[in-house]
Structures are given as structure tokens and as C-alpha cells.
Amino acid sequence: MTDLDHERGAPLSQAEQVLAPPRPHGHREPYYLLANCRRLLTHPRWRNADNWVIAMELFGCGSTSGVAICHEAGIDPYSKKVERVK
């Protein structure tokens, strides 16, 4: 089976499953999760919310954890748009 077959979604053999690197499934880093979440939220309540509030609601946690999630993702928790902290 060629690499092209794998790109088309052909099933891997048992040996290939063990040796093959994981296939990419989009951006799953915390930065991209929060950026995409903010992009999808169009209601004015969410447009005017700080990033920590969105993280808190998205992950079902408290405010301290929401701020920590933003810090771990490299995002300013008190900003109203998602940008990497320098």
C-alpha cells in the first residue's frame, strides 16, 4: 500500500498501525481551540467576553482554571481577541 493510499483514508494493516505516525486531524493545540471557538461565537455576549470567560465556559471549569488555560495556550486571558502572547 502506498503513502497515497493512506492519504485517501485506506485502512492500515496491523503492522502499519503500530509503526505509522498519527495522522493529523486539524489544529488541536489549545491556542487553535480557543481561536476557533472565539471565531464561531458571534453573539454579542461572547464577542465582548474576555478569553478566560470563553475558556471557562468551553471547558466547564472555574475562573482560575480559565485563566490558567489561557496562560498554557499562550493567550492573554484578559484580551477580547485571541493573539499569542509575546
PDB file of N, CA and C in Angstrom:
ATOM      1  N   MET A   1       0.856  -1.167   0.000  1.00  0.00           N
ATOM      2  CA  MET A   1       0.000   0.000   0.000  1.00  0.00           C
ATOM      3  C   MET A   1       0.904   1.232   0.000  1.00  0.00           C
ATOM      4  N   THR A   2       0.589   2.229  -0.795  1.00  0.00           N
ATOM      5  CA  THR A   2       1.434   3.414  -0.914  1.00  0.00           C
ATOM      6  C   THR A   2       1.008   4.489   0.076  1.00  0.00           C
ATOM      7  N   ASP A   3       1.872   5.499   0.227  1.00  0.00           N
ATOM      8  CA  ASP A   3       1.514   6.634   1.074  1.00  0.00           C
ATOM      9  C   ASP A   3       0.273   7.340   0.551  1.00  0.00           C
ATOM     10  N   LEU A   4       0.111   7.348  -0.764  1.00  0.00           N
ATOM     11  CA  LEU A   4      -1.051   7.984  -1.362  1.00  0.00           C
ATOM     12  C   LEU A   4      -2.336   7.287  -0.922  1.00  0.00           C
ATOM     13  N   ASP A   5      -2.293   5.960  -0.807  1.00  0.00           N
ATOM     14  CA  ASP A   5      -3.470   5.222  -0.338  1.00  0.00           C
ATOM     15  C   ASP A   5      -3.819   5.625   1.090  1.00  0.00           C
ATOM     16  N   HIS A   6      -2.809   5.834   1.930  1.00  0.00           N
ATOM     17  CA  HIS A   6      -3.069   6.242   3.313  1.00  0.00           C
ATOM     18  C   HIS A   6      -3.682   7.630   3.368  1.00  0.00           C
ATOM     19  N   GLU A   7      -3.244   8.527   2.494  1.00  0.00           N
ATOM     20  CA  GLU A   7      -3.800   9.874   2.466  1.00  0.00           C
ATOM     21  C   GLU A   7      -5.267   9.859   2.078  1.00  0.00           C
ATOM     22  N   ARG A   8      -5.666   8.882   1.318  1.00  0.00           N
ATOM     23  CA  ARG A   8      -7.072   8.777   0.895  1.00  0.00           C
ATOM     24  C   ARG A   8      -7.929   8.088   1.935  1.00  0.00           C
ATOM     25  N   GLY A   9      -7.338   7.661   3.028  1.00  0.00           N
ATOM     26  CA  GLY A   9      -8.113   7.050   4.099  1.00  0.00           C
ATOM     27  C   GLY A   9      -8.190   5.548   4.021  1.00  0.00           C
ATOM     28  N   ALA A  10      -7.311   4.911   3.259  1.00  0.00           N
ATOM     29  CA  ALA A  10      -7.309   3.454   3.183  1.00  0.00           C
ATOM     30  C   ALA A  10      -6.919   2.894   4.553  1.00  0.00           C
ATOM     31  N   PRO A  11      -7.522   1.811   4.974  1.00  0.00           N
ATOM     32  CA  PRO A  11      -7.205   1.259   6.293  1.00  0.00           C
ATOM     33  C   PRO A  11      -5.752   0.770   6.365  1.00  0.00           C
ATOM     34  N   LEU A  12      -5.158   0.916   7.522  1.00  0.00           N
ATOM     35  CA  LEU A  12      -3.792   0.460   7.756  1.00  0.00           C
ATOM     36  C   LEU A  12      -3.801  -1.000   8.193  1.00  0.00           C
ATOM     37  N   SER A  13      -2.770  -1.737   7.807  1.00  0.00           N
ATOM     38  CA  SER A  13      -2.639  -3.102   8.307  1.00  0.00           C
ATOM     39  C   SER A  13      -2.242  -3.028   9.777  1.00  0.00           C
ATOM     40  N   GLN A  14      -2.297  -4.146  10.467  1.00  0.00           N
ATOM     41  CA  GLN A  14      -1.968  -4.163  11.887  1.00  0.00           C
ATOM     42  C   GLN A  14      -0.517  -3.722  12.120  1.00  0.00           C
ATOM     43  N   ALA A  15       0.403  -4.169  11.281  1.00  0.00           N
ATOM     44  CA  ALA A  15       1.807  -3.772  11.413  1.00  0.00           C
ATOM     45  C   ALA A  15       1.980  -2.286  11.137  1.00  0.00           C
ATOM     46  N   GLU A  16       1.275  -1.779  10.151  1.00  0.00           N
ATOM     47  CA  GLU A  16       1.372  -0.356   9.820  1.00  0.00           C
ATOM     48  C   GLU A  16       0.799   0.517  10.929  1.00  0.00           C
ATOM     49  N   GLN A  17      -0.231   0.042  11.614  1.00  0.00           N
ATOM     50  CA  GLN A  17      -0.823   0.817  12.702  1.00  0.00           C
ATOM     51  C   GLN A  17       0.170   1.026  13.832  1.00  0.00           C
ATOM     52  N   VAL A  18       1.003   0.026  14.076  1.00  0.00           N
ATOM     53  CA  VAL A  18       1.989   0.120  15.143  1.00  0.00           C
ATOM     54  C   VAL A  18       3.116   1.072  14.748  1.00  0.00           C
ATOM     55  N   LEU A  19       3.532   1.022  13.494  1.00  0.00           N
ATOM     56  CA  LEU A  19       4.680   1.790  13.042  1.00  0.00           C
ATOM     57  C   LEU A  19       4.332   3.175  12.505  1.00  0.00           C
ATOM     58  N   ALA A  20       3.112   3.391  12.092  1.00  0.00           N
ATOM     59  CA  ALA A  20       2.745   4.647  11.447  1.00  0.00           C
ATOM     60  C   ALA A  20       2.608   5.778  12.463  1.00  0.00           C
ATOM     61  N   PRO A  21       3.065   6.979  12.107  1.00  0.00           N
ATOM     62  CA  PRO A  21       2.837   8.120  12.985  1.00  0.00           C
ATOM     63  C   PRO A  21       1.356   8.480  12.965  1.00  0.00           C
ATOM     64  N   PRO A  22       0.863   9.141  13.986  1.00  0.00           N
ATOM     65  CA  PRO A  22      -0.549   9.512  13.996  1.00  0.00           C
ATOM     66  C   PRO A  22      -0.862  10.478  12.853  1.00  0.00           C
ATOM     67  N   ARG A  23      -2.036  10.324  12.285  1.00  0.00           N
ATOM     68  CA  ARG A  23      -2.463  11.204  11.198  1.00  0.00           C
ATOM     69  C   ARG A  23      -2.922  12.534  11.779  1.00  0.00           C
ATOM     70  N   PRO A  24      -2.626  13.629  11.086  1.00  0.00           N
ATOM     71  CA  PRO A  24      -3.085  14.929  11.593  1.00  0.00           C
ATOM     72  C   PRO A  24      -4.598  15.070  11.439  1.00  0.00           C
ATOM     73  N   HIS A  25      -5.220  15.670  12.421  1.00  0.00           N
ATOM     74  CA  HIS A  25      -6.669  15.880  12.394  1.00  0.00           C
ATOM     75  C   HIS A  25      -6.987  17.333  12.668  1.00  0.00           C
ATOM     76  N   GLY A  26      -6.302  18.243  12.025  1.00  0.00           N
ATOM     77  CA  GLY A  26      -6.556  19.657  12.262  1.00  0.00           C
ATOM     78  C   GLY A  26      -5.761  20.162  13.444  1.00  0.00           C
ATOM     79  N   HIS A  27      -6.006  21.391  13.774  1.00  0.00           N
ATOM     80  CA  HIS A  27      -5.281  22.030  14.870  1.00  0.00           C
ATOM     81  C   HIS A  27      -5.957  21.693  16.196  1.00  0.00           C
ATOM     82  N   ARG A  28      -5.249  20.982  17.053  1.00  0.00           N
ATOM     83  CA  ARG A  28      -5.810  20.624  18.351  1.00  0.00           C
ATOM     84  C   ARG A  28      -5.019  21.227  19.490  1.00  0.00           C
ATOM     85  N   GLU A  29      -4.145  22.147  19.180  1.00  0.00           N
ATOM     86  CA  GLU A  29      -3.415  22.826  20.245  1.00  0.00           C
ATOM     87  C   GLU A  29      -4.377  23.766  20.944  1.00  0.00           C
ATOM     88  N   PRO A  30      -4.172  24.036  22.241  1.00  0.00           N
ATOM     89  CA  PRO A  30      -5.081  24.924  22.969  1.00  0.00           C
ATOM     90  C   PRO A  30      -5.263  26.287  22.306  1.00  0.00           C
ATOM     91  N   TYR A  31      -4.189  26.825  21.712  1.00  0.00           N
ATOM     92  CA  TYR A  31      -4.303  28.132  21.053  1.00  0.00           C
ATOM     93  C   TYR A  31      -5.357  28.088  19.954  1.00  0.00           C
ATOM     94  N   TYR A  32      -5.292  27.066  19.109  1.00  0.00           N
ATOM     95  CA  TYR A  32      -6.223  26.977  17.992  1.00  0.00           C
ATOM     96  C   TYR A  32      -7.633  26.645  18.456  1.00  0.00           C
ATOM     97  N   LEU A  33      -7.767  25.863  19.524  1.00  0.00           N
ATOM     98  CA  LEU A  33      -9.104  25.571  20.049  1.00  0.00           C
ATOM     99  C   LEU A  33      -9.800  26.848  20.488  1.00  0.00           C
ATOM    100  N   LEU A  34      -9.100  27.686  21.238  1.00  0.00           N
ATOM    101  CA  LEU A  34      -9.714  28.921  21.716  1.00  0.00           C
ATOM    102  C   LEU A  34      -9.921  29.915  20.576  1.00  0.00           C
ATOM    103  N   ALA A  35      -8.987  29.967  19.639  1.00  0.00           N
ATOM    104  CA  ALA A  35      -9.148  30.877  18.498  1.00  0.00           C
ATOM    105  C   ALA A  35     -10.365  30.485  17.663  1.00  0.00           C
ATOM    106  N   ASN A  36     -10.537  29.202  17.399  1.00  0.00           N
ATOM    107  CA  ASN A  36     -11.689  28.747  16.616  1.00  0.00           C
ATOM    108  C   ASN A  36     -12.991  28.915  17.384  1.00  0.00           C
ATOM    109  N   CYS A  37     -12.949  28.708  18.681  1.00  0.00           N
ATOM    110  CA  CYS A  37     -14.141  28.902  19.497  1.00  0.00           C
ATOM    111  C   CYS A  37     -14.585  30.362  19.419  1.00  0.00           C
ATOM    112  N   ARG A  38     -13.645  31.286  19.579  1.00  0.00           N
ATOM    113  CA  ARG A  38     -13.988  32.710  19.516  1.00  0.00           C
ATOM    114  C   ARG A  38     -14.525  33.062  18.122  1.00  0.00           C
ATOM    115  N   ARG A  39     -13.963  32.475  17.084  1.00  0.00           N
ATOM    116  CA  ARG A  39     -14.415  32.748  15.718  1.00  0.00           C
ATOM    117  C   ARG A  39     -15.857  32.285  15.527  1.00  0.00           C
ATOM    118  N   LEU A  40     -16.232  31.155  16.144  1.00  0.00           N
ATOM    119  CA  LEU A  40     -17.568  30.610  15.973  1.00  0.00           C
ATOM    120  C   LEU A  40     -18.628  31.337  16.794  1.00  0.00           C
ATOM    121  N   LEU A  41     -18.227  31.963  17.865  1.00  0.00           N
ATOM    122  CA  LEU A  41     -19.183  32.643  18.743  1.00  0.00           C
ATOM    123  C   LEU A  41     -19.469  34.041  18.211  1.00  0.00           C
ATOM    124  N   THR A  42     -20.674  34.245  17.703  1.00  0.00           N
ATOM    125  CA  THR A  42     -21.000  35.528  17.091  1.00  0.00           C
ATOM    126  C   THR A  42     -21.936  36.379  17.938  1.00  0.00           C
ATOM    127  N   HIS A  43     -22.537  35.808  18.963  1.00  0.00           N
ATOM    128  CA  HIS A  43     -23.457  36.562  19.813  1.00  0.00           C
ATOM    129  C   HIS A  43     -22.690  37.667  20.532  1.00  0.00           C
ATOM    130  N   PRO A  44     -23.286  38.852  20.690  1.00  0.00           N
ATOM    131  CA  PRO A  44     -22.584  39.962  21.349  1.00  0.00           C
ATOM    132  C   PRO A  44     -22.069  39.624  22.753  1.00  0.00           C
ATOM    133  N   ARG A  45     -22.767  38.736  23.451  1.00  0.00           N
ATOM    134  CA  ARG A  45     -22.303  38.345  24.791  1.00  0.00           C
ATOM    135  C   ARG A  45     -20.901  37.751  24.725  1.00  0.00           C
ATOM    136  N   TRP A  46     -20.640  36.960  23.717  1.00  0.00           N
ATOM    137  CA  TRP A  46     -19.344  36.301  23.590  1.00  0.00           C
ATOM    138  C   TRP A  46     -18.313  37.190  22.922  1.00  0.00           C
ATOM    139  N   ARG A  47     -18.752  38.048  22.009  1.00  0.00           N
ATOM    140  CA  ARG A  47     -17.807  38.953  21.354  1.00  0.00           C
ATOM    141  C   ARG A  47     -17.162  39.900  22.356  1.00  0.00           C
ATOM    142  N   ASN A  48     -17.878  40.254  23.404  1.00  0.00           N
ATOM    143  CA  ASN A  48     -17.371  41.195  24.404  1.00  0.00           C
ATOM    144  C   ASN A  48     -16.793  40.506  25.637  1.00  0.00           C
ATOM    145  N   ALA A  49     -16.680  39.194  25.603  1.00  0.00           N
ATOM    146  CA  ALA A  49     -16.171  38.443  26.761  1.00  0.00           C
ATOM    147  C   ALA A  49     -14.654  38.301  26.682  1.00  0.00           C
ATOM    148  N   ASP A  50     -14.018  38.314  27.844  1.00  0.00           N
ATOM    149  CA  ASP A  50     -12.575  38.071  27.904  1.00  0.00           C
ATOM    150  C   ASP A  50     -12.302  36.612  27.542  1.00  0.00           C
ATOM    151  N   ASN A  51     -11.079  36.353  27.122  1.00  0.00           N
ATOM    152  CA  ASN A  51     -10.704  34.986  26.738  1.00  0.00           C
ATOM    153  C   ASN A  51     -10.861  33.996  27.882  1.00  0.00           C
ATOM    154  N   TRP A  52     -10.585  34.404  29.113  1.00  0.00           N
ATOM    155  CA  TRP A  52     -10.694  33.467  30.235  1.00  0.00           C
ATOM    156  C   TRP A  52     -12.138  33.038  30.445  1.00  0.00           C
ATOM    157  N   VAL A  53     -13.100  33.918  30.138  1.00  0.00           N
ATOM    158  CA  VAL A  53     -14.518  33.573  30.290  1.00  0.00           C
ATOM    159  C   VAL A  53     -14.898  32.506  29.254  1.00  0.00           C
ATOM    160  N   ILE A  54     -14.425  32.681  28.031  1.00  0.00           N
ATOM    161  CA  ILE A  54     -14.719  31.696  26.985  1.00  0.00           C
ATOM    162  C   ILE A  54     -14.080  30.354  27.321  1.00  0.00           C
ATOM    163  N   ALA A  55     -12.831  30.378  27.810  1.00  0.00           N
ATOM    164  CA  ALA A  55     -12.162  29.133  28.208  1.00  0.00           C
ATOM    165  C   ALA A  55     -12.917  28.465  29.354  1.00  0.00           C
ATOM    166  N   MET A  56     -13.372  29.258  30.300  1.00  0.00           N
ATOM    167  CA  MET A  56     -14.109  28.737  31.449  1.00  0.00           C
ATOM    168  C   MET A  56     -15.400  28.052  30.995  1.00  0.00           C
ATOM    169  N   GLU A  57     -16.140  28.682  30.106  1.00  0.00           N
ATOM    170  CA  GLU A  57     -17.396  28.105  29.619  1.00  0.00           C
ATOM    171  C   GLU A  57     -17.145  26.907  28.709  1.00  0.00           C
ATOM    172  N   LEU A  58     -16.118  26.998  27.869  1.00  0.00           N
ATOM    173  CA  LEU A  58     -15.822  25.923  26.923  1.00  0.00           C
ATOM    174  C   LEU A  58     -15.420  24.639  27.639  1.00  0.00           C
ATOM    175  N   PHE A  59     -14.583  24.751  28.672  1.00  0.00           N
ATOM    176  CA  PHE A  59     -14.071  23.570  29.359  1.00  0.00           C
ATOM    177  C   PHE A  59     -14.813  23.256  30.653  1.00  0.00           C
ATOM    178  N   GLY A  60     -15.829  24.041  30.997  1.00  0.00           N
ATOM    179  CA  GLY A  60     -16.644  23.762  32.178  1.00  0.00           C
ATOM    180  C   GLY A  60     -15.851  23.805  33.468  1.00  0.00           C
ATOM    181  N   CYS A  61     -15.084  24.869  33.651  1.00  0.00           N
ATOM    182  CA  CYS A  61     -14.248  24.983  34.842  1.00  0.00           C
ATOM    183  C   CYS A  61     -14.479  26.350  35.491  1.00  0.00           C
ATOM    184  N   GLY A  62     -13.725  26.648  36.522  1.00  0.00           N
ATOM    185  CA  GLY A  62     -13.844  27.918  37.201  1.00  0.00           C
ATOM    186  C   GLY A  62     -12.981  28.997  36.572  1.00  0.00           C
ATOM    187  N   SER A  63     -13.076  30.197  37.149  1.00  0.00           N
ATOM    188  CA  SER A  63     -12.357  31.333  36.585  1.00  0.00           C
ATOM    189  C   SER A  63     -10.841  31.178  36.682  1.00  0.00           C
ATOM    190  N   THR A  64     -10.361  30.656  37.798  1.00  0.00           N
ATOM    191  CA  THR A  64      -8.916  30.468  37.953  1.00  0.00           C
ATOM    192  C   THR A  64      -8.386  29.483  36.916  1.00  0.00           C
ATOM    193  N   SER A  65      -9.125  28.420  36.676  1.00  0.00           N
ATOM    194  CA  SER A  65      -8.726  27.448  35.659  1.00  0.00           C
ATOM    195  C   SER A  65      -8.831  28.048  34.262  1.00  0.00           C
ATOM    196  N   GLY A  66      -9.823  28.888  34.022  1.00  0.00           N
ATOM    197  CA  GLY A  66      -9.959  29.549  32.726  1.00  0.00           C
ATOM    198  C   GLY A  66      -8.757  30.432  32.423  1.00  0.00           C
ATOM    199  N   VAL A  67      -8.292  31.160  33.432  1.00  0.00           N
ATOM    200  CA  VAL A  67      -7.089  31.990  33.267  1.00  0.00           C
ATOM    201  C   VAL A  67      -5.874  31.097  33.030  1.00  0.00           C
ATOM    202  N   ALA A  68      -5.773  29.992  33.774  1.00  0.00           N
ATOM    203  CA  ALA A  68      -4.640  29.072  33.612  1.00  0.00           C
ATOM    204  C   ALA A  68      -4.627  28.437  32.225  1.00  0.00           C
ATOM    205  N   ILE A  69      -5.787  28.089  31.710  1.00  0.00           N
ATOM    206  CA  ILE A  69      -5.877  27.510  30.365  1.00  0.00           C
ATOM    207  C   ILE A  69      -5.356  28.512  29.336  1.00  0.00           C
ATOM    208  N   CYS A  70      -5.728  29.763  29.483  1.00  0.00           N
ATOM    209  CA  CYS A  70      -5.254  30.796  28.557  1.00  0.00           C
ATOM    210  C   CYS A  70      -3.738  30.943  28.643  1.00  0.00           C
ATOM    211  N   HIS A  71      -3.207  30.949  29.868  1.00  0.00           N
ATOM    212  CA  HIS A  71      -1.755  31.056  30.021  1.00  0.00           C
ATOM    213  C   HIS A  71      -1.047  29.862  29.379  1.00  0.00           C
ATOM    214  N   GLU A  72      -1.563  28.656  29.583  1.00  0.00           N
ATOM    215  CA  GLU A  72      -0.962  27.457  28.988  1.00  0.00           C
ATOM    216  C   GLU A  72      -1.025  27.496  27.460  1.00  0.00           C
ATOM    217  N   ALA A  73      -2.067  28.125  26.929  1.00  0.00           N
ATOM    218  CA  ALA A  73      -2.221  28.224  25.480  1.00  0.00           C
ATOM    219  C   ALA A  73      -1.409  29.374  24.894  1.00  0.00           C
ATOM    220  N   GLY A  74      -0.833  30.205  25.757  1.00  0.00           N
ATOM    221  CA  GLY A  74      -0.057  31.343  25.277  1.00  0.00           C
ATOM    222  C   GLY A  74      -0.926  32.502  24.829  1.00  0.00           C
ATOM    223  N   ILE A  75      -2.100  32.628  25.443  1.00  0.00           N
ATOM    224  CA  ILE A  75      -3.074  33.656  25.076  1.00  0.00           C
ATOM    225  C   ILE A  75      -3.279  34.589  26.254  1.00  0.00           C
ATOM    226  N   ASP A  76      -3.446  35.888  25.968  1.00  0.00           N
ATOM    227  CA  ASP A  76      -3.742  36.858  27.017  1.00  0.00           C
ATOM    228  C   ASP A  76      -5.159  36.596  27.526  1.00  0.00           C
ATOM    229  N   PRO A  77      -5.313  36.209  28.799  1.00  0.00           N
ATOM    230  CA  PRO A  77      -6.644  35.868  29.305  1.00  0.00           C
ATOM    231  C   PRO A  77      -7.591  37.056  29.398  1.00  0.00           C
ATOM    232  N   TYR A  78      -7.057  38.273  29.447  1.00  0.00           N
ATOM    233  CA  TYR A  78      -7.898  39.450  29.646  1.00  0.00           C
ATOM    234  C   TYR A  78      -8.168  40.203  28.350  1.00  0.00           C
ATOM    235  N   SER A  79      -7.748  39.646  27.229  1.00  0.00           N
ATOM    236  CA  SER A  79      -7.995  40.250  25.919  1.00  0.00           C
ATOM    237  C   SER A  79      -9.341  39.788  25.391  1.00  0.00           C
ATOM    238  N   LYS A  80      -9.848  40.533  24.445  1.00  0.00           N
ATOM    239  CA  LYS A  80     -11.126  40.163  23.811  1.00  0.00           C
ATOM    240  C   LYS A  80     -10.902  39.560  22.427  1.00  0.00           C
ATOM    241  N   LYS A  81      -9.645  39.335  22.047  1.00  0.00           N
ATOM    242  CA  LYS A  81      -9.334  38.639  20.809  1.00  0.00           C
ATOM    243  C   LYS A  81      -8.161  37.693  21.084  1.00  0.00           C
ATOM    244  N   VAL A  82      -8.055  36.664  20.286  1.00  0.00           N
ATOM    245  CA  VAL A  82      -7.057  35.648  20.518  1.00  0.00           C
ATOM    246  C   VAL A  82      -5.790  36.003  19.753  1.00  0.00           C
ATOM    247  N   GLU A  83      -4.753  36.336  20.485  1.00  0.00           N
ATOM    248  CA  GLU A  83      -3.436  36.597  19.921  1.00  0.00           C
ATOM    249  C   GLU A  83      -2.424  35.948  20.823  1.00  0.00           C
ATOM    250  N   ARG A  84      -1.366  35.448  20.232  1.00  0.00           N
ATOM    251  CA  ARG A  84      -0.315  34.831  21.036  1.00  0.00           C
ATOM    252  C   ARG A  84       0.384  35.892  21.871  1.00  0.00           C
ATOM    253  N   VAL A  85       0.637  35.579  23.117  1.00  0.00           N
ATOM    254  CA  VAL A  85       1.369  36.481  24.000  1.00  0.00           C
ATOM    255  C   VAL A  85       2.846  36.392  23.642  1.00  0.00           C
ATOM    256  N   LYS A  86       3.491  37.524  23.533  1.00  0.00           N
ATOM    257  CA  LYS A  86       4.908  37.533  23.152  1.00  0.00           C
ATOM    258  C   LYS A  86       5.801  37.518  24.361  1.00  0.00           C
TER     259      LYS A  86
END
